[in-house]
PDB file of N, CA and C in Angstrom:
ATOM      1  N   UNK A   1     -13.844  46.734  45.453  1.00  0.00           N
ATOM      2  CA  UNK A   1     -13.047  45.542  45.211  1.00  0.00           C
ATOM      3  C   UNK A   1     -12.334  45.647  43.863  1.00  0.00           C
ATOM      4  N   UNK A   2     -12.988  46.237  42.884  1.00  0.00           N
ATOM      5  CA  UNK A   2     -12.398  46.353  41.567  1.00  0.00           C
ATOM      6  C   UNK A   2     -11.177  47.273  41.585  1.00  0.00           C
ATOM      7  N   UNK A   3     -11.230  48.348  42.377  1.00  0.00           N
ATOM      8  CA  UNK A   3     -10.098  49.270  42.469  1.00  0.00           C
ATOM      9  C   UNK A   3      -8.913  48.579  43.135  1.00  0.00           C
ATOM     10  N   UNK A   4      -9.176  47.809  44.170  1.00  0.00           N
ATOM     11  CA  UNK A   4      -8.104  47.089  44.856  1.00  0.00           C
ATOM     12  C   UNK A   4      -7.456  46.087  43.912  1.00  0.00           C
ATOM     13  N   UNK A   5      -8.246  45.352  43.140  1.00  0.00           N
ATOM     14  CA  UNK A   5      -7.729  44.356  42.201  1.00  0.00           C
ATOM     15  C   UNK A   5      -6.866  45.035  41.132  1.00  0.00           C
ATOM     16  N   UNK A   6      -7.343  46.170  40.622  1.00  0.00           N
ATOM     17  CA  UNK A   6      -6.599  46.889  39.588  1.00  0.00           C
ATOM     18  C   UNK A   6      -5.279  47.420  40.163  1.00  0.00           C
ATOM     19  N   UNK A   7      -5.315  47.921  41.380  1.00  0.00           N
ATOM     20  CA  UNK A   7      -4.114  48.424  42.032  1.00  0.00           C
ATOM     21  C   UNK A   7      -3.112  47.288  42.250  1.00  0.00           C
ATOM     22  N   UNK A   8      -3.600  46.113  42.627  1.00  0.00           N
ATOM     23  CA  UNK A   8      -2.726  44.958  42.818  1.00  0.00           C
ATOM     24  C   UNK A   8      -2.092  44.534  41.502  1.00  0.00           C
ATOM     25  N   UNK A   9      -2.841  44.583  40.416  1.00  0.00           N
ATOM     26  CA  UNK A   9      -2.282  44.234  39.117  1.00  0.00           C
ATOM     27  C   UNK A   9      -1.211  45.227  38.684  1.00  0.00           C
ATOM     28  N   UNK A  10      -1.438  46.508  38.971  1.00  0.00           N
ATOM     29  CA  UNK A  10      -0.447  47.530  38.649  1.00  0.00           C
ATOM     30  C   UNK A  10       0.821  47.316  39.462  1.00  0.00           C
ATOM     31  N   UNK A  11       0.657  46.988  40.717  1.00  0.00           N
ATOM     32  CA  UNK A  11       1.824  46.712  41.559  1.00  0.00           C
ATOM     33  C   UNK A  11       2.564  45.460  41.102  1.00  0.00           C
ATOM     34  N   UNK A  12       1.835  44.444  40.672  1.00  0.00           N
ATOM     35  CA  UNK A  12       2.473  43.226  40.164  1.00  0.00           C
ATOM     36  C   UNK A  12       3.277  43.519  38.901  1.00  0.00           C
ATOM     37  N   UNK A  13       2.749  44.375  38.032  1.00  0.00           N
ATOM     38  CA  UNK A  13       3.471  44.733  36.806  1.00  0.00           C
ATOM     39  C   UNK A  13       4.731  45.508  37.156  1.00  0.00           C
ATOM     40  N   UNK A  14       4.623  46.441  38.098  1.00  0.00           N
ATOM     41  CA  UNK A  14       5.805  47.196  38.527  1.00  0.00           C
ATOM     42  C   UNK A  14       6.843  46.272  39.161  1.00  0.00           C
ATOM     43  N   UNK A  15       6.389  45.342  39.993  1.00  0.00           N
ATOM     44  CA  UNK A  15       7.298  44.376  40.615  1.00  0.00           C
ATOM     45  C   UNK A  15       7.964  43.504  39.555  1.00  0.00           C
ATOM     46  N   UNK A  16       7.214  43.106  38.549  1.00  0.00           N
ATOM     47  CA  UNK A  16       7.758  42.308  37.457  1.00  0.00           C
ATOM     48  C   UNK A  16       8.836  43.075  36.703  1.00  0.00           C
ATOM     49  N   UNK A  17       8.605  44.345  36.418  1.00  0.00           N
ATOM     50  CA  UNK A  17       9.584  45.145  35.691  1.00  0.00           C
ATOM     51  C   UNK A  17      10.857  45.363  36.515  1.00  0.00           C
ATOM     52  N   UNK A  18      10.699  45.619  37.807  1.00  0.00           N
ATOM     53  CA  UNK A  18      11.865  45.794  38.676  1.00  0.00           C
ATOM     54  C   UNK A  18      12.633  44.484  38.798  1.00  0.00           C
ATOM     55  N   UNK A  19      11.920  43.379  38.917  1.00  0.00           N
ATOM     56  CA  UNK A  19      12.578  42.078  39.015  1.00  0.00           C
ATOM     57  C   UNK A  19      13.325  41.751  37.726  1.00  0.00           C
ATOM     58  N   UNK A  20      12.737  42.066  36.586  1.00  0.00           N
ATOM     59  CA  UNK A  20      13.440  41.877  35.316  1.00  0.00           C
ATOM     60  C   UNK A  20      14.708  42.700  35.241  1.00  0.00           C
ATOM     61  N   UNK A  21      14.654  43.918  35.778  1.00  0.00           N
ATOM     62  CA  UNK A  21      15.838  44.774  35.817  1.00  0.00           C
ATOM     63  C   UNK A  21      16.925  44.172  36.709  1.00  0.00           C
ATOM     64  N   UNK A  22      16.541  43.702  37.873  1.00  0.00           N
ATOM     65  CA  UNK A  22      17.514  43.116  38.802  1.00  0.00           C
ATOM     66  C   UNK A  22      18.112  41.839  38.210  1.00  0.00           C
ATOM     67  N   UNK A  23      17.286  40.992  37.638  1.00  0.00           N
ATOM     68  CA  UNK A  23      17.783  39.739  37.061  1.00  0.00           C
ATOM     69  C   UNK A  23      18.733  40.028  35.900  1.00  0.00           C
ATOM     70  N   UNK A  24      18.403  40.997  35.058  1.00  0.00           N
ATOM     71  CA  UNK A  24      19.299  41.313  33.939  1.00  0.00           C
ATOM     72  C   UNK A  24      20.614  41.901  34.445  1.00  0.00           C
ATOM     73  N   UNK A  25      20.562  42.718  35.504  1.00  0.00           N
ATOM     74  CA  UNK A  25      21.788  43.282  36.079  1.00  0.00           C
ATOM     75  C   UNK A  25      22.666  42.177  36.670  1.00  0.00           C
ATOM     76  N   UNK A  26      22.054  41.243  37.395  1.00  0.00           N
ATOM     77  CA  UNK A  26      22.818  40.152  38.005  1.00  0.00           C
ATOM     78  C   UNK A  26      23.403  39.240  36.920  1.00  0.00           C
ATOM     79  N   UNK A  27      22.611  38.896  35.912  1.00  0.00           N
ATOM     80  CA  UNK A  27      23.114  38.033  34.840  1.00  0.00           C
ATOM     81  C   UNK A  27      24.273  38.702  34.106  1.00  0.00           C
ATOM     82  N   UNK A  28      24.133  39.978  33.805  1.00  0.00           N
ATOM     83  CA  UNK A  28      25.213  40.696  33.135  1.00  0.00           C
ATOM     84  C   UNK A  28      26.437  40.812  34.040  1.00  0.00           C
ATOM     85  N   UNK A  29      26.189  41.060  35.320  1.00  0.00           N
ATOM     86  CA  UNK A  29      27.298  41.155  36.271  1.00  0.00           C
ATOM     87  C   UNK A  29      28.078  39.872  36.385  1.00  0.00           C
ATOM     88  N   UNK A  30      27.376  38.753  36.380  1.00  0.00           N
ATOM     89  CA  UNK A  30      28.064  37.463  36.466  1.00  0.00           C
ATOM     90  C   UNK A  30      28.847  37.166  35.197  1.00  0.00           C
ATOM     91  N   UNK A  31      28.310  37.572  34.049  1.00  0.00           N
ATOM     92  CA  UNK A  31      28.987  37.304  32.790  1.00  0.00           C
ATOM     93  C   UNK A  31      30.165  38.237  32.543  1.00  0.00           C
ATOM     94  N   UNK A  32      30.046  39.491  32.959  1.00  0.00           N
ATOM     95  CA  UNK A  32      31.052  40.499  32.635  1.00  0.00           C
ATOM     96  C   UNK A  32      31.836  40.988  33.856  1.00  0.00           C
ATOM     97  N   UNK A  33      31.875  40.193  34.918  1.00  0.00           N
ATOM     98  CA  UNK A  33      32.598  40.545  36.138  1.00  0.00           C
ATOM     99  C   UNK A  33      32.195  41.927  36.662  1.00  0.00           C
ATOM    100  N   UNK A  34      30.908  42.188  36.666  1.00  0.00           N
ATOM    101  CA  UNK A  34      30.287  43.388  37.241  1.00  0.00           C
ATOM    102  C   UNK A  34      30.689  44.667  36.527  1.00  0.00           C
ATOM    103  N   UNK A  35      30.993  44.552  35.246  1.00  0.00           N
ATOM    104  CA  UNK A  35      31.248  45.735  34.440  1.00  0.00           C
ATOM    105  C   UNK A  35      29.933  46.329  33.944  1.00  0.00           C
ATOM    106  N   UNK A  36      30.012  47.478  33.339  1.00  0.00           N
ATOM    107  CA  UNK A  36      28.794  48.140  32.873  1.00  0.00           C
ATOM    108  C   UNK A  36      28.384  47.601  31.506  1.00  0.00           C
ATOM    109  N   UNK A  37      27.133  47.882  31.148  1.00  0.00           N
ATOM    110  CA  UNK A  37      26.640  47.510  29.824  1.00  0.00           C
ATOM    111  C   UNK A  37      27.361  48.359  28.787  1.00  0.00           C
ATOM    112  N   UNK A  38      27.626  47.783  27.626  1.00  0.00           N
ATOM    113  CA  UNK A  38      28.359  48.520  26.600  1.00  0.00           C
ATOM    114  C   UNK A  38      27.488  49.535  25.867  1.00  0.00           C
ATOM    115  N   UNK A  39      26.155  49.342  25.890  1.00  0.00           N
ATOM    116  CA  UNK A  39      25.259  50.300  25.242  1.00  0.00           C
ATOM    117  C   UNK A  39      23.881  50.236  25.897  1.00  0.00           C
ATOM    118  N   UNK A  40      23.117  51.295  25.691  1.00  0.00           N
ATOM    119  CA  UNK A  40      21.746  51.324  26.206  1.00  0.00           C
ATOM    120  C   UNK A  40      20.881  50.288  25.502  1.00  0.00           C
ATOM    121  N   UNK A  41      21.171  50.048  24.246  1.00  0.00           N
ATOM    122  CA  UNK A  41      20.414  49.053  23.482  1.00  0.00           C
ATOM    123  C   UNK A  41      20.588  47.655  24.076  1.00  0.00           C
ATOM    124  N   UNK A  42      21.816  47.331  24.442  1.00  0.00           N
ATOM    125  CA  UNK A  42      22.096  46.041  25.073  1.00  0.00           C
ATOM    126  C   UNK A  42      21.395  45.943  26.432  1.00  0.00           C
ATOM    127  N   UNK A  43      21.415  47.041  27.180  1.00  0.00           N
ATOM    128  CA  UNK A  43      20.752  47.072  28.481  1.00  0.00           C
ATOM    129  C   UNK A  43      19.252  46.829  28.350  1.00  0.00           C
ATOM    130  N   UNK A  44      18.585  47.575  27.471  1.00  0.00           N
ATOM    131  CA  UNK A  44      17.139  47.414  27.329  1.00  0.00           C
ATOM    132  C   UNK A  44      16.770  46.070  26.710  1.00  0.00           C
ATOM    133  N   UNK A  45      17.607  45.561  25.801  1.00  0.00           N
ATOM    134  CA  UNK A  45      17.356  44.239  25.236  1.00  0.00           C
ATOM    135  C   UNK A  45      17.461  43.147  26.287  1.00  0.00           C
ATOM    136  N   UNK A  46      18.472  43.245  27.127  1.00  0.00           N
ATOM    137  CA  UNK A  46      18.636  42.279  28.212  1.00  0.00           C
ATOM    138  C   UNK A  46      17.483  42.362  29.194  1.00  0.00           C
ATOM    139  N   UNK A  47      17.083  43.570  29.524  1.00  0.00           N
ATOM    140  CA  UNK A  47      15.959  43.770  30.443  1.00  0.00           C
ATOM    141  C   UNK A  47      14.686  43.156  29.877  1.00  0.00           C
ATOM    142  N   UNK A  48      14.418  43.380  28.590  1.00  0.00           N
ATOM    143  CA  UNK A  48      13.219  42.835  27.953  1.00  0.00           C
ATOM    144  C   UNK A  48      13.252  41.306  27.944  1.00  0.00           C
ATOM    145  N   UNK A  49      14.380  40.736  27.576  1.00  0.00           N
ATOM    146  CA  UNK A  49      14.485  39.275  27.490  1.00  0.00           C
ATOM    147  C   UNK A  49      14.322  38.639  28.867  1.00  0.00           C
ATOM    148  N   UNK A  50      14.959  39.205  29.880  1.00  0.00           N
ATOM    149  CA  UNK A  50      14.841  38.633  31.219  1.00  0.00           C
ATOM    150  C   UNK A  50      13.437  38.826  31.794  1.00  0.00           C
ATOM    151  N   UNK A  51      12.803  39.937  31.490  1.00  0.00           N
ATOM    152  CA  UNK A  51      11.429  40.150  31.956  1.00  0.00           C
ATOM    153  C   UNK A  51      10.478  39.157  31.287  1.00  0.00           C
ATOM    154  N   UNK A  52      10.647  38.926  29.995  1.00  0.00           N
ATOM    155  CA  UNK A  52       9.809  37.929  29.321  1.00  0.00           C
ATOM    156  C   UNK A  52      10.077  36.523  29.863  1.00  0.00           C
ATOM    157  N   UNK A  53      11.322  36.247  30.212  1.00  0.00           N
ATOM    158  CA  UNK A  53      11.636  34.957  30.832  1.00  0.00           C
ATOM    159  C   UNK A  53      10.931  34.790  32.167  1.00  0.00           C
ATOM    160  N   UNK A  54      10.846  35.857  32.939  1.00  0.00           N
ATOM    161  CA  UNK A  54      10.134  35.787  34.218  1.00  0.00           C
ATOM    162  C   UNK A  54       8.644  35.586  33.986  1.00  0.00           C
ATOM    163  N   UNK A  55       8.097  36.219  32.961  1.00  0.00           N
ATOM    164  CA  UNK A  55       6.674  36.023  32.634  1.00  0.00           C
ATOM    165  C   UNK A  55       6.407  34.560  32.294  1.00  0.00           C
ATOM    166  N   UNK A  56       7.285  33.958  31.507  1.00  0.00           N
ATOM    167  CA  UNK A  56       7.131  32.536  31.170  1.00  0.00           C
ATOM    168  C   UNK A  56       7.248  31.679  32.426  1.00  0.00           C
ATOM    169  N   UNK A  57       8.207  32.007  33.286  1.00  0.00           N
ATOM    170  CA  UNK A  57       8.365  31.270  34.539  1.00  0.00           C
ATOM    171  C   UNK A  57       7.115  31.372  35.401  1.00  0.00           C
ATOM    172  N   UNK A  58       6.533  32.566  35.497  1.00  0.00           N
ATOM    173  CA  UNK A  58       5.302  32.752  36.274  1.00  0.00           C
ATOM    174  C   UNK A  58       4.179  31.887  35.693  1.00  0.00           C
ATOM    175  N   UNK A  59       4.078  31.838  34.374  1.00  0.00           N
ATOM    176  CA  UNK A  59       3.034  31.029  33.749  1.00  0.00           C
ATOM    177  C   UNK A  59       3.225  29.541  34.030  1.00  0.00           C
ATOM    178  N   UNK A  60       4.456  29.058  33.911  1.00  0.00           N
ATOM    179  CA  UNK A  60       4.726  27.631  34.131  1.00  0.00           C
ATOM    180  C   UNK A  60       4.525  27.258  35.598  1.00  0.00           C
ATOM    181  N   UNK A  61       5.084  28.061  36.496  1.00  0.00           N
ATOM    182  CA  UNK A  61       4.948  27.765  37.929  1.00  0.00           C
ATOM    183  C   UNK A  61       3.490  27.917  38.365  1.00  0.00           C
ATOM    184  N   UNK A  62       2.808  28.929  37.842  1.00  0.00           N
ATOM    185  CA  UNK A  62       1.390  29.111  38.175  1.00  0.00           C
ATOM    186  C   UNK A  62       0.550  27.939  37.719  1.00  0.00           C
ATOM    187  N   UNK A  63       0.793  27.454  36.505  1.00  0.00           N
ATOM    188  CA  UNK A  63       0.039  26.304  36.000  1.00  0.00           C
ATOM    189  C   UNK A  63       0.319  25.059  36.829  1.00  0.00           C
ATOM    190  N   UNK A  64       1.581  24.849  37.183  1.00  0.00           N
ATOM    191  CA  UNK A  64       1.925  23.686  38.008  1.00  0.00           C
ATOM    192  C   UNK A  64       1.307  23.795  39.397  1.00  0.00           C
ATOM    193  N   UNK A  65       1.290  24.997  39.950  1.00  0.00           N
ATOM    194  CA  UNK A  65       0.713  25.190  41.278  1.00  0.00           C
ATOM    195  C   UNK A  65      -0.784  24.952  41.269  1.00  0.00           C
ATOM    196  N   UNK A  66      -1.468  25.512  40.284  1.00  0.00           N
ATOM    197  CA  UNK A  66      -2.918  25.326  40.203  1.00  0.00           C
ATOM    198  C   UNK A  66      -3.257  23.863  39.942  1.00  0.00           C
ATOM    199  N   UNK A  67      -2.466  23.193  39.098  1.00  0.00           N
ATOM    200  CA  UNK A  67      -2.757  21.799  38.758  1.00  0.00           C
ATOM    201  C   UNK A  67      -2.527  20.850  39.927  1.00  0.00           C
ATOM    202  N   UNK A  68      -1.558  21.143  40.786  1.00  0.00           N
ATOM    203  CA  UNK A  68      -1.223  20.216  41.866  1.00  0.00           C
ATOM    204  C   UNK A  68      -1.682  20.688  43.238  1.00  0.00           C
ATOM    205  N   UNK A  69      -2.423  21.787  43.279  1.00  0.00           N
ATOM    206  CA  UNK A  69      -2.833  22.362  44.559  1.00  0.00           C
ATOM    207  C   UNK A  69      -3.677  21.382  45.366  1.00  0.00           C
ATOM    208  N   UNK A  70      -4.636  20.757  44.740  1.00  0.00           N
ATOM    209  CA  UNK A  70      -5.518  19.831  45.446  1.00  0.00           C
ATOM    210  C   UNK A  70      -4.757  18.610  45.961  1.00  0.00           C
ATOM    211  N   UNK A  71      -3.839  18.098  45.150  1.00  0.00           N
ATOM    212  CA  UNK A  71      -3.090  16.910  45.542  1.00  0.00           C
ATOM    213  C   UNK A  71      -2.219  17.179  46.773  1.00  0.00           C
ATOM    214  N   UNK A  72      -1.504  18.295  46.772  1.00  0.00           N
ATOM    215  CA  UNK A  72      -0.569  18.562  47.859  1.00  0.00           C
ATOM    216  C   UNK A  72      -1.216  19.215  49.078  1.00  0.00           C
ATOM    217  N   UNK A  73      -2.212  20.067  48.857  1.00  0.00           N
ATOM    218  CA  UNK A  73      -2.801  20.794  49.975  1.00  0.00           C
ATOM    219  C   UNK A  73      -4.198  20.324  50.357  1.00  0.00           C
ATOM    220  N   UNK A  74      -4.795  19.486  49.548  1.00  0.00           N
ATOM    221  CA  UNK A  74      -6.078  18.916  49.893  1.00  0.00           C
ATOM    222  C   UNK A  74      -7.283  19.799  49.588  1.00  0.00           C
ATOM    223  N   UNK A  75      -7.075  20.923  48.925  1.00  0.00           N
ATOM    224  CA  UNK A  75      -8.195  21.798  48.561  1.00  0.00           C
ATOM    225  C   UNK A  75      -7.941  22.389  47.183  1.00  0.00           C
ATOM    226  N   UNK A  76      -9.001  22.867  46.574  1.00  0.00           N
ATOM    227  CA  UNK A  76      -8.879  23.500  45.258  1.00  0.00           C
ATOM    228  C   UNK A  76      -8.217  24.871  45.403  1.00  0.00           C
ATOM    229  N   UNK A  77      -7.566  25.301  44.340  1.00  0.00           N
ATOM    230  CA  UNK A  77      -6.974  26.642  44.328  1.00  0.00           C
ATOM    231  C   UNK A  77      -8.104  27.667  44.279  1.00  0.00           C
ATOM    232  N   UNK A  78      -7.950  28.757  45.022  1.00  0.00           N
ATOM    233  CA  UNK A  78      -9.026  29.731  45.124  1.00  0.00           C
ATOM    234  C   UNK A  78      -9.123  30.668  43.930  1.00  0.00           C
ATOM    235  N   UNK A  79      -8.249  30.553  42.967  1.00  0.00           N
ATOM    236  CA  UNK A  79      -8.322  31.365  41.763  1.00  0.00           C
ATOM    237  C   UNK A  79      -7.692  32.734  41.892  1.00  0.00           C
ATOM    238  N   UNK A  80      -6.961  32.970  42.949  1.00  0.00           N
ATOM    239  CA  UNK A  80      -6.307  34.258  43.155  1.00  0.00           C
ATOM    240  C   UNK A  80      -4.945  34.252  42.460  1.00  0.00           C
ATOM    241  N   UNK A  81      -4.963  34.558  41.171  1.00  0.00           N
ATOM    242  CA  UNK A  81      -3.735  34.499  40.385  1.00  0.00           C
ATOM    243  C   UNK A  81      -2.819  35.691  40.650  1.00  0.00           C
ATOM    244  N   UNK A  82      -3.364  36.806  41.093  1.00  0.00           N
ATOM    245  CA  UNK A  82      -2.528  37.976  41.392  1.00  0.00           C
ATOM    246  C   UNK A  82      -1.602  37.689  42.574  1.00  0.00           C
ATOM    247  N   UNK A  83      -2.126  37.035  43.595  1.00  0.00           N
ATOM    248  CA  UNK A  83      -1.296  36.686  44.741  1.00  0.00           C
ATOM    249  C   UNK A  83      -0.251  35.640  44.358  1.00  0.00           C
ATOM    250  N   UNK A  84      -0.649  34.673  43.551  1.00  0.00           N
ATOM    251  CA  UNK A  84       0.291  33.659  43.078  1.00  0.00           C
ATOM    252  C   UNK A  84       1.415  34.301  42.266  1.00  0.00           C
ATOM    253  N   UNK A  85       1.060  35.249  41.400  1.00  0.00           N
ATOM    254  CA  UNK A  85       2.066  35.975  40.623  1.00  0.00           C
ATOM    255  C   UNK A  85       3.010  36.737  41.541  1.00  0.00           C
ATOM    256  N   UNK A  86       2.464  37.386  42.561  1.00  0.00           N
ATOM    257  CA  UNK A  86       3.289  38.120  43.517  1.00  0.00           C
ATOM    258  C   UNK A  86       4.308  37.205  44.178  1.00  0.00           C
ATOM    259  N   UNK A  87       3.872  36.042  44.626  1.00  0.00           N
ATOM    260  CA  UNK A  87       4.786  35.124  45.308  1.00  0.00           C
ATOM    261  C   UNK A  87       5.890  34.617  44.387  1.00  0.00           C
ATOM    262  N   UNK A  88       5.546  34.292  43.156  1.00  0.00           N
ATOM    263  CA  UNK A  88       6.552  33.771  42.229  1.00  0.00           C
ATOM    264  C   UNK A  88       7.566  34.863  41.881  1.00  0.00           C
ATOM    265  N   UNK A  89       7.092  36.057  41.564  1.00  0.00           N
ATOM    266  CA  UNK A  89       7.999  37.141  41.180  1.00  0.00           C
ATOM    267  C   UNK A  89       8.858  37.570  42.364  1.00  0.00           C
ATOM    268  N   UNK A  90       8.287  37.607  43.559  1.00  0.00           N
ATOM    269  CA  UNK A  90       9.067  37.956  44.739  1.00  0.00           C
ATOM    270  C   UNK A  90      10.142  36.912  45.011  1.00  0.00           C
ATOM    271  N   UNK A  91       9.841  35.646  44.795  1.00  0.00           N
ATOM    272  CA  UNK A  91      10.833  34.589  44.966  1.00  0.00           C
ATOM    273  C   UNK A  91      11.984  34.759  43.980  1.00  0.00           C
ATOM    274  N   UNK A  92      11.669  35.106  42.744  1.00  0.00           N
ATOM    275  CA  UNK A  92      12.722  35.341  41.747  1.00  0.00           C
ATOM    276  C   UNK A  92      13.569  36.545  42.151  1.00  0.00           C
ATOM    277  N   UNK A  93      12.929  37.607  42.644  1.00  0.00           N
ATOM    278  CA  UNK A  93      13.658  38.798  43.056  1.00  0.00           C
ATOM    279  C   UNK A  93      14.595  38.507  44.223  1.00  0.00           C
ATOM    280  N   UNK A  94      14.110  37.822  45.225  1.00  0.00           N
ATOM    281  CA  UNK A  94      14.950  37.475  46.376  1.00  0.00           C
ATOM    282  C   UNK A  94      16.091  36.554  45.949  1.00  0.00           C
ATOM    283  N   UNK A  95      15.813  35.629  45.058  1.00  0.00           N
ATOM    284  CA  UNK A  95      16.862  34.738  44.547  1.00  0.00           C
ATOM    285  C   UNK A  95      17.931  35.496  43.787  1.00  0.00           C
ATOM    286  N   UNK A  96      17.540  36.438  42.952  1.00  0.00           N
ATOM    287  CA  UNK A  96      18.514  37.219  42.186  1.00  0.00           C
ATOM    288  C   UNK A  96      19.373  38.087  43.100  1.00  0.00           C
ATOM    289  N   UNK A  97      18.749  38.707  44.093  1.00  0.00           N
ATOM    290  CA  UNK A  97      19.515  39.519  45.041  1.00  0.00           C
ATOM    291  C   UNK A  97      20.471  38.642  45.843  1.00  0.00           C
ATOM    292  N   UNK A  98      20.027  37.457  46.216  1.00  0.00           N
ATOM    293  CA  UNK A  98      20.893  36.535  46.958  1.00  0.00           C
ATOM    294  C   UNK A  98      22.089  36.098  46.123  1.00  0.00           C
ATOM    295  N   UNK A  99      21.865  35.804  44.863  1.00  0.00           N
ATOM    296  CA  UNK A  99      22.962  35.419  43.979  1.00  0.00           C
ATOM    297  C   UNK A  99      23.951  36.569  43.842  1.00  0.00           C
ATOM    298  N   UNK A 100      23.447  37.796  43.709  1.00  0.00           N
ATOM    299  CA  UNK A 100      24.335  38.954  43.590  1.00  0.00           C
ATOM    300  C   UNK A 100      25.159  39.141  44.858  1.00  0.00           C
ATOM    301  N   UNK A 101      24.533  39.013  46.004  1.00  0.00           N
ATOM    302  CA  UNK A 101      25.261  39.182  47.262  1.00  0.00           C
ATOM    303  C   UNK A 101      26.321  38.104  47.453  1.00  0.00           C
ATOM    304  N   UNK A 102      25.981  36.881  47.125  1.00  0.00           N
ATOM    305  CA  UNK A 102      26.941  35.791  47.259  1.00  0.00           C
ATOM    306  C   UNK A 102      28.084  35.956  46.259  1.00  0.00           C
ATOM    307  N   UNK A 103      27.751  36.332  45.034  1.00  0.00           N
ATOM    308  CA  UNK A 103      28.783  36.469  44.002  1.00  0.00           C
ATOM    309  C   UNK A 103      29.721  37.638  44.287  1.00  0.00           C
ATOM    310  N   UNK A 104      29.195  38.717  44.832  1.00  0.00           N
ATOM    311  CA  UNK A 104      30.042  39.885  45.108  1.00  0.00           C
ATOM    312  C   UNK A 104      30.763  39.761  46.441  1.00  0.00           C
ATOM    313  N   UNK A 105      30.141  39.084  47.405  1.00  0.00           N
ATOM    314  CA  UNK A 105      30.701  39.057  48.746  1.00  0.00           C
ATOM    315  C   UNK A 105      31.559  37.860  49.066  1.00  0.00           C
ATOM    316  N   UNK A 106      31.253  36.732  48.478  1.00  0.00           N
ATOM    317  CA  UNK A 106      31.993  35.511  48.794  1.00  0.00           C
ATOM    318  C   UNK A 106      33.275  35.456  47.975  1.00  0.00           C
ATOM    319  N   UNK A 107      34.353  35.018  48.579  1.00  0.00           N
ATOM    320  CA  UNK A 107      35.595  34.903  47.815  1.00  0.00           C
ATOM    321  C   UNK A 107      35.504  33.739  46.826  1.00  0.00           C
ATOM    322  N   UNK A 108      36.224  33.868  45.773  1.00  0.00           N
ATOM    323  CA  UNK A 108      36.274  32.795  44.791  1.00  0.00           C
ATOM    324  C   UNK A 108      36.989  31.594  45.388  1.00  0.00           C
ATOM    325  N   UNK A 109      36.636  30.421  44.941  1.00  0.00           N
ATOM    326  CA  UNK A 109      37.303  29.225  45.437  1.00  0.00           C
ATOM    327  C   UNK A 109      38.773  29.240  45.045  1.00  0.00           C
ATOM    328  N   UNK A 110      39.098  29.899  43.927  1.00  0.00           N
ATOM    329  CA  UNK A 110      40.489  29.960  43.491  1.00  0.00           C
ATOM    330  C   UNK A 110      41.296  30.902  44.384  1.00  0.00           C
ATOM    331  N   UNK A 111      40.615  31.876  44.989  1.00  0.00           N
ATOM    332  CA  UNK A 111      41.311  32.782  45.892  1.00  0.00           C
ATOM    333  C   UNK A 111      41.682  32.087  47.200  1.00  0.00           C
ATOM    334  N   UNK A 112      40.967  31.049  47.542  1.00  0.00           N
ATOM    335  CA  UNK A 112      41.222  30.351  48.792  1.00  0.00           C
ATOM    336  C   UNK A 112      42.439  29.440  48.707  1.00  0.00           C
ATOM    337  N   UNK A 113      42.868  29.081  47.503  1.00  0.00           N
ATOM    338  CA  UNK A 113      43.997  28.174  47.328  1.00  0.00           C
ATOM    339  C   UNK A 113      45.200  28.957  47.280  1.00  0.00           C
TER     340      UNK A 113
END
């Protein structure tokens, strides 16, 4: 059981890092009309800041979920924080990919006029 838990934590960290990369790419793409980063320093700084933002989001959403679990679902939270982290980070990843697809694929409202 300990090996499985450790493997899940490693996978969650990898998922978090990839999600931070995707979120920083999408944020930069939206700001700079999908141009490239001007330097590696800017790229890694953006990646670090967005990854830390996701960590804060996971903490806030996790705390809210654990605090309100009994009220909304009628039972106590089982204490499985790794699974909760997986769900929150996966939701952020899917949201970032969706924003990128919509921003790149959908025409601008100004183009329609």
